[in-house]
Amino acid sequence: MVGEETTSLRKRPSRSGENFEEKEDERKPSEESLGISSNGRIDIKQLMAKKLRLTAEAEELKPFFMKEVGSHFDDFVNNLIEKSTSLDSGGCAITSFSVLEGDKNHRAKDLRAPPEHGKIFVVRRSLLDELFEVDHIRTIYHMFIALLILFILSTLVVDYIDEGRLVLEFNLISYAFGKFPIAMWTWWTMFLSTLSIPYFLFQHWARGYSQSSHPVVHCLIHGFLFMGFLIGVLGLGPTYVALAYTLPPASRSIVILEQIRFIMKAYSFVRENVPRVLNSAKEKSKTVPVPTVNQYLYFLFAPTLIYRDNYPRTPTVRWGYVAMQFLQVFGCLFYMYYIFERLCTPLFRNIKQEPFSARVLVLCVFNSILPGVLILFLMFFAFLHCWLNAFAEMLCFGDRMFYRDWWNSTSYSNYYRTWNVVVHDWLYYYAYKDFLWFFTKRFKWAAMLAVFAVSAVVHEYALAVCLNFFYPVLFVLFMFFGMAFNFIVNDSRKRPFWNVMVWTSLFAGNGVILCFYSQEWYARQHCPLKNPTFLDYIRPRSWTCRYVF
């Protein structure tokens, strides 16, 4: 074929003029295609038809272009980050974090180094901060603000019609955050004890390990003391305060969530530094690698649960950005108030007047889906985006990947990895990876089951203490249905249909949680017991209370 084409080219006339004219005719667009008529005038209609045809072709190509960009953008960014982390420390601000020593061939897919290196921290923005620069995504944010305005107006109008005046008392918020000073004193006690006791124990153990004649006994004594601190001081102490002083739900949430955070922080500090001391003792180094108090103090406030001596830092603090994030947190708080006031309270106020039946239960679940989903979105935006970004900005903490695009998940396994990256990293490196290291890699299913069990128990514990009753709906949904969906709807599911299924199950699950726990809350309000026993706290009151339904 190539030879025939070459021969035909050789047989062409050699007159340069003809060749030039042919090339000019090929390159030069015709006057008709440009909308120029034979008399030299421009045909406007023909030009408009040409423009419309080109616009239609561009619109047809747009979805394919966007799909290609979406599929390759993540790989491009991850490869770029992977290359940047392998540069020398003097080349870029991101590489000031010396976590990569030795092999730097980590997986670009999820930015994890090999297990011996741990999590990689790099300078990067939160995903929503990047998406909000797109007008289309920003409009969704504006829609939520408009919905909040409508909630406020609806509440004011209803109160004015019912009461004849504007009611601006916010009784629900004042009740939920009651006894706030007790919660703050408890937080200060937890903070000071977490700052001093784990650091002192680790420092004493590290400096005496190489000099001890019985290193095993030395390790066991300090290990038991550390576990006693986690269980006794951080474990039982805040729980006792929350129950003994009968703190309201929001104040209890502050105490319990901070209790869990301090336990995870203290464990990460010890878990990351113990191997360094052991390696130093094996190498018979004269210096003991004990972090400074300032490094540990910075870690206690940093928006991460993985300890490092140093993190990638941003050069300046944008105080306007910090103020905006805290303002949005308070906005989300009032948003949830109006959701409870307009969507939840009327629903359960009517339910308590009807006898219990399957019909009432089904209607309750479906009527709870909308407020449950709105509360899910608000909790995600208020804490994982606004709150963590505010502290990251104040501390110049560079790595802002507190979550990923969990809303695009087509599998539950991807949803669990991307919904809360901060907690997932802790569970992955300290629960899942350590379990495999201890029991070998043949027990991956057991390791995953253990991680699910720990997560389900902690979630249910926090909810039980905050609400002051035990009703393991969340535990059942998380431990059984969540784990089953994790294996059934796995990473092999890539079609958009599975994203619809993930969202459908999330909507239904949040409706079930809000319905069941709200019913139990109202049951305990309307059917109180004079001398409740321990079984009364763990037995569902909504099954027997006649005044709730």
Protein backbone atom coordinates (compact mmCIF):
# COMPACT_ATOMS: atom_id res chain seq x y z
CA MET A 1 0.00 0.00 0.00
CA VAL A 2 2.79 2.40 0.84
CA GLY A 3 4.57 1.59 -2.43
CA GLU A 4 1.46 2.20 -4.50
CA GLU A 5 0.88 5.55 -2.84
CA THR A 6 4.50 6.55 -3.48
CA THR A 7 4.21 5.54 -7.15
CA SER A 8 1.00 7.49 -7.60
CA LEU A 9 2.64 10.52 -6.09
CA ARG A 10 5.52 10.23 -8.53
CA LYS A 11 3.09 10.07 -11.52
CA ARG A 12 1.50 13.40 -10.61
CA PRO A 13 2.19 16.36 -12.92
CA SER A 14 5.37 18.10 -11.94
CA ARG A 15 4.02 21.57 -12.63
CA SER A 16 4.61 23.43 -9.43
CA GLY A 17 1.82 25.86 -10.17
CA GLU A 18 -0.82 23.16 -10.31
CA ASN A 19 0.45 21.55 -7.12
CA PHE A 20 0.45 24.87 -5.36
CA GLU A 21 -3.07 25.62 -6.49
CA GLU A 22 -4.25 22.19 -5.36
CA LYS A 23 -2.72 22.70 -1.93
CA GLU A 24 -4.22 26.15 -1.69
CA ASP A 25 -7.62 24.77 -2.62
CA GLU A 26 -7.27 22.10 0.06
CA ARG A 27 -6.21 24.54 2.79
CA LYS A 28 -8.43 27.51 1.89
CA PRO A 29 -12.01 27.16 3.16
CA SER A 30 -14.67 27.71 0.58
CA GLU A 31 -16.62 30.93 0.54
CA GLU A 32 -19.81 28.93 0.78
CA SER A 33 -18.66 27.27 4.03
CA LEU A 34 -17.92 30.71 5.49
CA GLY A 35 -21.39 31.97 4.61
CA ILE A 36 -20.22 34.30 1.80
CA SER A 37 -22.54 34.40 -1.19
CA SER A 38 -21.48 34.63 -4.83
CA ASN A 39 -21.93 38.39 -4.89
CA GLY A 40 -19.50 38.81 -1.97
CA ARG A 41 -22.08 39.48 0.73
CA ILE A 42 -22.17 37.63 4.04
CA ASP A 43 -25.22 35.43 4.53
CA ILE A 44 -26.20 35.91 8.18
CA LYS A 45 -28.64 33.00 8.22
CA GLN A 46 -26.03 30.63 6.88
CA LEU A 47 -23.52 31.81 9.47
CA MET A 48 -26.03 31.34 12.28
CA ALA A 49 -26.87 27.85 11.01
CA LYS A 50 -23.16 27.04 10.92
CA LYS A 51 -22.75 28.35 14.49
CA LEU A 52 -25.68 26.33 15.77
CA ARG A 53 -24.34 23.19 14.11
CA LEU A 54 -20.89 23.69 15.69
CA THR A 55 -22.50 24.36 19.08
CA ALA A 56 -24.52 21.16 18.83
CA GLU A 57 -21.40 19.18 17.94
CA ALA A 58 -19.55 20.73 20.89
CA GLU A 59 -22.38 19.82 23.26
CA GLU A 60 -22.28 16.24 21.99
CA LEU A 61 -18.54 16.06 22.63
CA LYS A 62 -18.75 17.73 26.05
CA PRO A 63 -19.90 14.65 28.07
CA PHE A 64 -17.14 12.50 26.57
CA PHE A 65 -14.57 15.18 27.32
CA MET A 66 -15.74 15.62 30.92
CA LYS A 67 -15.76 11.85 31.43
CA GLU A 68 -12.17 11.58 30.19
CA VAL A 69 -11.07 14.51 32.36
CA GLY A 70 -12.78 13.03 35.42
CA SER A 71 -11.21 9.61 34.92
CA HIS A 72 -7.66 10.89 34.45
CA PHE A 73 -7.56 13.92 36.76
CA ASP A 74 -7.21 11.93 40.01
CA ASP A 75 -4.42 9.79 38.56
CA PHE A 76 -2.61 12.91 37.37
CA VAL A 77 -2.84 14.66 40.74
CA ASN A 78 -1.83 11.56 42.70
CA ASN A 79 1.17 10.95 40.44
CA LEU A 80 2.15 14.60 40.85
CA ILE A 81 1.94 14.33 44.64
CA GLU A 82 3.90 11.08 44.54
CA LYS A 83 6.72 12.76 42.62
CA SER A 84 6.70 15.82 44.87
CA THR A 85 7.05 13.76 48.04
CA SER A 86 10.18 12.11 46.65
CA LEU A 87 12.04 15.43 46.22
CA ASP A 88 14.73 16.61 48.59
CA SER A 89 13.68 18.58 51.67
CA GLY A 90 15.24 21.76 50.34
CA GLY A 91 13.23 21.77 47.13
CA CYS A 92 9.68 22.33 48.30
CA ALA A 93 7.65 23.07 51.40
CA ILE A 94 5.81 19.77 51.18
CA THR A 95 8.94 17.73 51.51
CA SER A 96 9.84 19.18 54.89
CA PHE A 97 8.05 16.17 56.31
CA SER A 98 10.60 13.37 56.50
CA VAL A 99 8.35 10.34 56.51
CA LEU A 100 9.84 8.77 53.42
CA GLU A 101 13.21 7.21 54.02
CA GLY A 102 14.33 4.41 51.79
CA ASP A 103 11.77 3.02 49.41
CA LYS A 104 9.48 5.73 48.03
CA ASN A 105 7.40 3.59 45.70
CA HIS A 106 4.11 3.87 47.52
CA ARG A 107 0.73 3.41 45.91
CA ALA A 108 -0.48 6.55 44.24
CA LYS A 109 -4.05 5.31 44.40
CA ASP A 110 -4.61 6.11 48.05
CA LEU A 111 -1.32 7.81 48.98
CA ARG A 112 -0.24 5.14 51.41
CA ALA A 113 3.39 4.24 51.85
CA PRO A 114 4.46 0.68 52.62
CA PRO A 115 3.36 -0.41 56.12
CA GLU A 116 6.76 0.27 57.63
CA HIS A 117 6.55 3.93 56.60
CA GLY A 118 2.98 4.69 57.59
CA LYS A 119 0.79 7.52 56.36
CA ILE A 120 2.22 10.16 54.05
CA PHE A 121 1.40 13.78 54.83
CA VAL A 122 1.59 16.34 52.03
CA VAL A 123 0.26 19.86 51.52
CA ARG A 124 -3.17 19.67 49.91
CA ARG A 125 -6.50 21.45 50.22
CA SER A 126 -9.82 19.96 51.23
CA LEU A 127 -11.88 18.73 48.35
CA LEU A 128 -14.85 21.02 49.03
CA ASP A 129 -12.58 24.08 49.06
CA GLU A 130 -11.55 23.16 45.54
CA LEU A 131 -15.07 22.29 44.41
CA PHE A 132 -16.54 25.53 45.77
CA GLU A 133 -14.46 27.41 43.21
CA VAL A 134 -16.74 25.88 40.56
CA ASP A 135 -19.92 27.91 40.15
CA HIS A 136 -22.08 24.81 39.68
CA ILE A 137 -20.99 23.32 43.03
CA ARG A 138 -21.19 26.68 44.74
CA THR A 139 -24.84 26.89 43.69
CA ILE A 140 -25.61 23.71 45.66
CA TYR A 141 -24.13 25.42 48.72
CA HIS A 142 -26.38 28.42 48.05
CA MET A 143 -29.39 26.11 47.81
CA PHE A 144 -28.74 24.83 51.34
CA ILE A 145 -28.48 28.42 52.59
CA ALA A 146 -31.80 29.22 50.90
CA LEU A 147 -33.36 26.19 52.57
CA LEU A 148 -32.11 27.42 55.96
CA ILE A 149 -33.70 30.82 55.31
CA LEU A 150 -36.99 29.11 54.53
CA PHE A 151 -36.76 27.05 57.73
CA ILE A 152 -36.22 30.25 59.73
CA LEU A 153 -39.09 32.05 58.05
CA SER A 154 -41.37 29.06 58.49
CA THR A 155 -40.59 28.86 62.21
CA LEU A 156 -41.11 32.59 62.72
CA VAL A 157 -44.42 32.58 60.83
CA VAL A 158 -45.77 29.52 62.67
CA ASP A 159 -44.73 30.92 66.05
CA TYR A 160 -46.32 34.26 65.24
CA ILE A 161 -49.58 32.60 64.19
CA ASP A 162 -49.70 30.29 67.23
CA GLU A 163 -48.37 32.67 69.88
CA GLY A 164 -49.24 36.06 68.41
CA ARG A 165 -45.62 37.14 68.81
CA LEU A 166 -42.14 36.25 67.58
CA VAL A 167 -40.57 33.50 69.68
CA LEU A 168 -36.76 33.66 69.62
CA GLU A 169 -35.88 31.66 72.70
CA PHE A 170 -34.06 28.64 71.15
CA ASN A 171 -35.08 26.42 74.04
CA LEU A 172 -33.78 23.27 72.34
CA ILE A 173 -30.25 24.66 71.98
CA SER A 174 -30.15 26.03 75.52
CA TYR A 175 -31.29 22.65 76.85
CA ALA A 176 -28.86 20.59 74.74
CA PHE A 177 -25.85 22.66 75.85
CA GLY A 178 -26.90 22.91 79.48
CA LYS A 179 -24.28 22.58 82.23
CA PHE A 180 -21.67 23.69 79.71
CA PRO A 181 -19.12 24.82 82.38
CA ILE A 182 -18.99 21.25 83.77
CA ALA A 183 -18.26 19.95 80.29
CA MET A 184 -15.46 22.49 79.87
CA TRP A 185 -13.85 21.67 83.24
CA THR A 186 -13.98 17.99 82.31
CA TRP A 187 -12.33 18.77 78.97
CA TRP A 188 -9.50 20.69 80.66
CA THR A 189 -8.90 17.79 83.04
CA MET A 190 -8.76 15.33 80.16
CA PHE A 191 -6.45 17.58 78.16
CA LEU A 192 -3.97 18.23 80.97
CA SER A 193 -3.85 14.56 81.96
CA THR A 194 -3.35 13.48 78.33
CA LEU A 195 -0.62 16.06 77.89
CA SER A 196 1.33 15.07 81.02
CA ILE A 197 0.82 11.40 81.92
CA PRO A 198 1.45 9.62 78.57
CA TYR A 199 4.41 11.86 77.79
CA PHE A 200 5.96 11.36 81.24
CA LEU A 201 5.45 7.58 81.11
CA PHE A 202 6.94 7.30 77.64
CA GLN A 203 9.90 9.54 78.46
CA HIS A 204 10.63 7.59 81.65
CA TRP A 205 10.38 4.27 79.80
CA ALA A 206 12.50 5.40 76.84
CA ARG A 207 15.35 6.80 78.92
CA GLY A 208 15.46 3.79 81.22
CA TYR A 209 14.93 1.01 78.66
CA SER A 210 18.52 0.65 77.46
CA GLN A 211 19.88 0.90 81.01
CA SER A 212 17.42 -1.52 82.60
CA SER A 213 18.71 -4.95 83.63
CA HIS A 214 15.22 -6.40 83.06
CA PRO A 215 13.88 -4.64 79.94
CA VAL A 216 10.85 -6.94 79.64
CA VAL A 217 9.72 -6.15 83.18
CA HIS A 218 10.46 -2.49 82.55
CA CYS A 219 8.20 -2.54 79.48
CA LEU A 220 5.39 -4.43 81.21
CA ILE A 221 5.26 -2.03 84.16
CA HIS A 222 5.06 1.05 81.95
CA GLY A 223 2.63 -0.69 79.59
CA PHE A 224 0.25 -1.54 82.44
CA LEU A 225 0.50 2.02 83.76
CA PHE A 226 -0.31 3.42 80.33
CA MET A 227 -3.29 1.08 79.84
CA GLY A 228 -4.48 1.94 83.33
CA PHE A 229 -4.40 5.61 82.38
CA LEU A 230 -6.37 4.98 79.18
CA ILE A 231 -9.01 2.85 80.91
CA GLY A 232 -9.22 4.51 84.31
CA VAL A 233 -8.54 8.20 83.76
CA LEU A 234 -9.63 8.75 80.15
CA GLY A 235 -12.08 5.86 80.00
CA LEU A 236 -14.09 5.78 83.21
CA GLY A 237 -13.54 9.35 84.43
CA PRO A 238 -15.37 11.34 81.69
CA THR A 239 -18.12 8.71 81.49
CA TYR A 240 -18.71 9.02 85.24
CA VAL A 241 -18.91 12.83 84.99
CA ALA A 242 -21.40 12.65 82.11
CA LEU A 243 -23.67 10.24 83.97
CA ALA A 244 -23.28 11.51 87.54
CA TYR A 245 -23.86 15.17 86.64
CA THR A 246 -26.64 14.26 84.15
CA LEU A 247 -25.21 16.42 81.40
CA PRO A 248 -27.58 17.20 78.50
CA PRO A 249 -26.95 15.52 75.11
CA ALA A 250 -24.78 18.19 73.43
CA SER A 251 -22.60 18.71 76.52
CA ARG A 252 -22.21 14.95 76.83
CA SER A 253 -21.22 14.76 73.17
CA ILE A 254 -18.39 17.21 73.77
CA VAL A 255 -17.07 15.17 76.71
CA ILE A 256 -17.44 11.73 75.11
CA LEU A 257 -16.12 12.62 71.65
CA GLU A 258 -13.12 14.39 73.17
CA GLN A 259 -12.58 11.39 75.44
CA ILE A 260 -12.37 9.11 72.39
CA ARG A 261 -10.12 11.55 70.55
CA PHE A 262 -7.65 11.84 73.43
CA ILE A 263 -7.49 8.06 73.80
CA MET A 264 -6.70 7.67 70.09
CA LYS A 265 -4.14 10.50 70.23
CA ALA A 266 -2.32 9.08 73.25
CA TYR A 267 -2.22 5.61 71.72
CA SER A 268 -0.87 6.95 68.42
CA PHE A 269 1.89 8.88 70.20
CA VAL A 270 3.08 5.78 72.05
CA ARG A 271 2.57 3.45 69.09
CA GLU A 272 4.65 5.59 66.72
CA ASN A 273 7.52 6.29 69.12
CA VAL A 274 8.05 2.91 70.80
CA PRO A 275 9.54 1.26 67.64
CA ARG A 276 11.96 4.17 67.29
CA VAL A 277 13.26 3.64 70.82
CA LEU A 278 13.57 -0.11 70.29
CA ASN A 279 15.50 0.39 67.04
CA SER A 280 17.75 2.92 68.74
CA ALA A 281 18.49 0.41 71.52
CA LYS A 282 19.33 -2.31 68.97
CA GLU A 283 21.70 0.02 67.19
CA LYS A 284 23.19 1.02 70.59
CA SER A 285 22.72 4.69 69.82
CA LYS A 286 23.73 7.18 72.47
CA THR A 287 20.75 9.46 71.82
CA VAL A 288 17.23 8.39 72.74
CA PRO A 289 14.61 9.57 70.18
CA VAL A 290 12.13 11.22 72.56
CA PRO A 291 9.92 13.93 70.99
CA THR A 292 9.76 17.33 72.63
CA VAL A 293 6.76 18.53 74.63
CA ASN A 294 6.01 21.11 71.94
CA GLN A 295 5.81 18.42 69.28
CA TYR A 296 3.40 16.38 71.40
CA LEU A 297 1.35 19.48 72.28
CA TYR A 298 1.05 20.39 68.60
CA PHE A 299 -0.14 16.86 67.84
CA LEU A 300 -2.89 17.05 70.47
CA PHE A 301 -4.46 19.97 68.60
CA ALA A 302 -3.55 18.97 65.03
CA PRO A 303 -6.48 17.62 62.96
CA THR A 304 -5.01 14.15 62.61
CA LEU A 305 -4.83 10.98 64.71
CA ILE A 306 -1.46 9.84 63.32
CA TYR A 307 1.54 11.17 65.25
CA ARG A 308 4.58 12.64 63.50
CA ASP A 309 7.38 14.78 64.87
CA ASN A 310 6.78 17.28 62.07
CA TYR A 311 4.02 17.88 59.56
CA PRO A 312 3.99 19.81 56.27
CA ARG A 313 3.11 23.40 57.07
CA THR A 314 1.54 26.30 55.25
CA PRO A 315 3.40 29.64 55.36
CA THR A 316 0.66 31.91 56.77
CA VAL A 317 -2.66 31.86 58.63
CA ARG A 318 -5.71 33.25 56.85
CA TRP A 319 -7.73 34.51 59.80
CA GLY A 320 -10.63 35.48 57.58
CA TYR A 321 -10.83 31.87 56.42
CA VAL A 322 -10.76 30.69 60.06
CA ALA A 323 -13.58 33.06 61.00
CA MET A 324 -15.63 31.89 58.03
CA GLN A 325 -15.24 28.21 58.99
CA PHE A 326 -16.35 28.83 62.59
CA LEU A 327 -19.24 30.95 61.33
CA GLN A 328 -20.35 28.04 59.15
CA VAL A 329 -20.12 25.68 62.16
CA PHE A 330 -22.53 27.90 64.10
CA GLY A 331 -24.71 28.12 61.01
CA CYS A 332 -24.90 24.33 60.82
CA LEU A 333 -25.78 24.23 64.53
CA PHE A 334 -28.77 26.52 63.99
CA TYR A 335 -29.61 24.60 60.83
CA MET A 336 -29.95 21.39 62.86
CA TYR A 337 -32.03 23.25 65.44
CA TYR A 338 -34.55 24.27 62.79
CA ILE A 339 -34.60 20.75 61.32
CA PHE A 340 -35.52 19.32 64.70
CA GLU A 341 -37.97 22.13 65.33
CA ARG A 342 -39.80 21.95 61.99
CA LEU A 343 -39.38 18.31 60.87
CA CYS A 344 -38.70 16.11 63.90
CA THR A 345 -40.66 17.49 66.84
CA PRO A 346 -44.04 17.68 65.03
CA LEU A 347 -43.53 14.17 63.68
CA PHE A 348 -42.90 12.48 67.01
CA ARG A 349 -45.40 14.69 68.80
CA ASN A 350 -48.09 13.18 66.57
CA ILE A 351 -46.72 9.66 66.79
CA LYS A 352 -47.14 9.49 70.56
CA GLN A 353 -50.90 9.94 70.14
CA GLU A 354 -51.29 6.78 68.03
CA PRO A 355 -51.13 3.14 69.13
CA PHE A 356 -48.05 1.20 68.14
CA SER A 357 -48.33 -0.70 64.86
CA ALA A 358 -46.26 -1.68 61.86
CA ARG A 359 -47.95 1.11 59.90
CA VAL A 360 -46.82 3.75 62.39
CA LEU A 361 -43.29 2.38 62.40
CA VAL A 362 -43.00 2.34 58.60
CA LEU A 363 -44.41 5.86 58.30
CA CYS A 364 -42.01 7.02 61.00
CA VAL A 365 -39.00 5.62 59.14
CA PHE A 366 -39.94 7.17 55.81
CA ASN A 367 -40.84 10.52 57.36
CA SER A 368 -37.46 10.51 59.13
CA ILE A 369 -35.41 10.04 55.95
CA LEU A 370 -35.35 13.71 54.92
CA PRO A 371 -34.33 15.16 58.32
CA GLY A 372 -31.91 12.25 58.83
CA VAL A 373 -30.12 12.93 55.54
CA LEU A 374 -30.00 16.68 56.19
CA ILE A 375 -28.46 16.03 59.62
CA LEU A 376 -25.91 13.69 58.01
CA PHE A 377 -24.87 16.38 55.52
CA LEU A 378 -24.67 19.04 58.23
CA MET A 379 -22.58 16.90 60.56
CA PHE A 380 -20.19 16.09 57.73
CA PHE A 381 -19.87 19.70 56.61
CA ALA A 382 -19.69 21.21 60.11
CA PHE A 383 -17.08 18.86 61.57
CA LEU A 384 -15.10 17.15 58.80
CA HIS A 385 -14.85 20.28 56.68
CA CYS A 386 -15.37 23.48 58.68
CA TRP A 387 -14.13 22.53 62.15
CA LEU A 388 -11.05 20.57 61.05
CA ASN A 389 -10.11 23.13 58.39
CA ALA A 390 -10.37 25.94 60.93
CA PHE A 391 -7.91 24.23 63.29
CA ALA A 392 -5.67 23.21 60.40
CA GLU A 393 -5.51 26.82 59.25
CA MET A 394 -4.74 28.15 62.73
CA LEU A 395 -1.97 25.55 63.17
CA CYS A 396 -0.65 25.94 59.60
CA PHE A 397 -1.33 22.22 59.17
CA GLY A 398 -0.80 21.52 55.47
CA ASP A 399 -2.58 18.23 54.83
CA ARG A 400 -6.30 19.02 54.63
CA MET A 401 -7.49 15.67 53.22
CA PHE A 402 -9.94 14.94 56.04
CA TYR A 403 -12.33 13.27 53.61
CA ARG A 404 -12.49 12.37 49.95
CA ASP A 405 -15.26 12.14 47.38
CA TRP A 406 -17.38 9.70 49.38
CA TRP A 407 -20.51 10.92 47.56
CA ASN A 408 -19.23 9.24 44.37
CA SER A 409 -18.79 5.84 46.04
CA THR A 410 -20.16 2.86 44.15
CA SER A 411 -19.16 0.48 46.94
CA TYR A 412 -19.43 0.52 50.71
CA SER A 413 -15.76 -0.32 51.09
CA ASN A 414 -14.88 2.88 49.22
CA TYR A 415 -17.43 4.83 51.27
CA TYR A 416 -15.84 3.68 54.53
CA ARG A 417 -12.40 4.70 53.26
CA THR A 418 -13.42 8.15 52.04
CA TRP A 419 -16.14 9.33 54.46
CA ASN A 420 -13.82 10.08 57.41
CA VAL A 421 -10.18 9.77 56.40
CA VAL A 422 -8.94 10.94 59.81
CA VAL A 423 -10.50 8.04 61.72
CA HIS A 424 -10.00 5.58 58.87
CA ASP A 425 -6.24 6.17 58.89
CA TRP A 426 -6.09 5.37 62.60
CA LEU A 427 -8.12 2.18 62.18
CA TYR A 428 -6.15 1.12 59.12
CA TYR A 429 -2.65 1.52 60.55
CA TYR A 430 -3.22 0.71 64.23
CA ALA A 431 -6.04 -1.84 64.09
CA TYR A 432 -6.07 -3.50 60.67
CA LYS A 433 -2.33 -3.44 59.86
CA ASP A 434 -1.23 -4.31 63.40
CA PHE A 435 -3.72 -7.18 63.49
CA LEU A 436 -2.24 -8.58 60.27
CA TRP A 437 1.30 -8.08 61.59
CA PHE A 438 0.45 -9.99 64.76
CA PHE A 439 -1.64 -12.79 63.24
CA THR A 440 -0.01 -12.84 59.74
CA LYS A 441 -1.69 -11.83 56.50
CA ARG A 442 -3.74 -15.00 56.21
CA PHE A 443 -6.39 -13.54 58.52
CA LYS A 444 -7.49 -10.52 56.48
CA TRP A 445 -11.15 -11.36 56.98
CA ALA A 446 -10.66 -11.59 60.73
CA ALA A 447 -8.78 -8.27 60.72
CA MET A 448 -11.61 -6.58 58.84
CA LEU A 449 -14.17 -8.11 61.20
CA ALA A 450 -12.19 -6.85 64.20
CA VAL A 451 -12.06 -3.32 62.78
CA PHE A 452 -15.81 -3.34 62.16
CA ALA A 453 -16.44 -4.62 65.70
CA VAL A 454 -14.26 -1.93 67.30
CA SER A 455 -15.85 0.82 65.22
CA ALA A 456 -19.41 -0.40 65.90
CA VAL A 457 -18.83 -0.70 69.65
CA VAL A 458 -17.28 2.79 69.91
CA HIS A 459 -20.09 4.36 67.86
CA GLU A 460 -22.75 2.69 69.97
CA TYR A 461 -20.94 3.58 73.20
CA ALA A 462 -20.82 7.27 72.27
CA LEU A 463 -24.48 7.31 71.28
CA ALA A 464 -25.59 5.38 74.40
CA VAL A 465 -23.79 7.70 76.81
CA CYS A 466 -24.88 10.87 74.99
CA LEU A 467 -28.56 9.83 74.95
CA ASN A 468 -28.44 8.16 78.39
CA PHE A 469 -29.94 4.88 77.20
CA PHE A 470 -28.79 1.74 75.41
CA TYR A 471 -30.63 0.92 72.21
CA PRO A 472 -28.23 -0.90 69.85
CA VAL A 473 -29.87 0.06 66.55
CA LEU A 474 -26.71 1.70 65.26
CA PHE A 475 -24.61 -1.28 66.35
CA VAL A 476 -26.85 -3.71 64.45
CA LEU A 477 -26.89 -1.56 61.32
CA PHE A 478 -23.15 -0.97 61.43
CA MET A 479 -21.96 -4.40 62.49
CA PHE A 480 -24.27 -6.61 60.46
CA PHE A 481 -25.75 -4.68 57.55
CA GLY A 482 -22.73 -2.42 57.10
CA MET A 483 -20.30 -5.32 57.14
CA ALA A 484 -22.48 -7.37 54.80
CA PHE A 485 -22.74 -4.49 52.33
CA ASN A 486 -18.98 -4.02 52.57
CA PHE A 487 -18.46 -7.52 51.17
CA ILE A 488 -21.42 -7.58 48.76
CA VAL A 489 -21.17 -4.04 47.37
CA ASN A 490 -17.38 -4.15 47.07
CA ASP A 491 -14.82 -2.32 44.93
CA SER A 492 -15.64 -4.43 41.87
CA ARG A 493 -18.91 -2.49 41.55
CA LYS A 494 -18.18 0.42 39.24
CA ARG A 495 -21.44 1.26 37.48
CA PRO A 496 -23.55 4.30 38.42
CA PHE A 497 -26.33 1.95 39.49
CA TRP A 498 -24.28 0.99 42.56
CA ASN A 499 -23.83 4.63 43.52
CA VAL A 500 -27.63 4.88 43.51
CA MET A 501 -27.80 1.79 45.72
CA VAL A 502 -25.26 3.22 48.17
CA TRP A 503 -27.24 6.46 48.45
CA THR A 504 -30.53 4.60 48.82
CA SER A 505 -29.20 2.50 51.67
CA LEU A 506 -27.66 5.57 53.34
CA PHE A 507 -30.97 7.42 53.16
CA ALA A 508 -32.88 4.45 54.55
CA GLY A 509 -30.31 3.80 57.30
CA ASN A 510 -30.38 7.39 58.52
CA GLY A 511 -34.17 7.31 58.56
CA VAL A 512 -34.14 4.13 60.66
CA ILE A 513 -31.60 5.57 63.12
CA LEU A 514 -33.44 8.88 63.59
CA CYS A 515 -36.82 7.17 63.93
CA PHE A 516 -35.84 4.48 66.45
CA TYR A 517 -33.68 6.67 68.68
CA SER A 518 -36.24 9.50 68.65
CA GLN A 519 -39.01 7.08 69.63
CA GLU A 520 -36.90 5.78 72.49
CA TRP A 521 -36.05 9.32 73.61
CA TYR A 522 -39.70 10.37 73.72
CA ALA A 523 -40.66 7.11 75.45
CA ARG A 524 -38.24 7.79 78.28
CA GLN A 525 -39.52 11.36 78.56
CA HIS A 526 -43.18 10.38 78.78
CA CYS A 527 -42.78 7.12 80.71
CA PRO A 528 -40.17 7.83 83.40
CA LEU A 529 -39.40 5.27 86.10
CA LYS A 530 -39.11 6.30 89.74
CA ASN A 531 -36.36 3.84 90.72
CA PRO A 532 -34.80 2.56 87.50
CA THR A 533 -32.49 -0.44 87.71
CA PHE A 534 -29.57 -1.22 85.46
CA LEU A 535 -31.81 -3.34 83.22
CA ASP A 536 -34.13 -0.39 82.77
CA TYR A 537 -31.32 1.55 81.12
CA ILE A 538 -30.63 -1.19 78.56
CA ARG A 539 -34.24 -2.36 78.00
CA PRO A 540 -36.03 -0.40 75.21
CA ARG A 541 -38.76 1.71 76.82
CA SER A 542 -40.49 2.39 73.50
CA TRP A 543 -41.67 -1.23 73.33
CA THR A 544 -43.74 -0.95 76.52
CA CYS A 545 -44.58 2.73 76.95
CA ARG A 546 -48.22 3.22 75.98
CA TYR A 547 -48.08 6.99 75.89
CA VAL A 548 -45.51 7.32 73.12
CA PHE A 549 -47.55 5.90 70.28
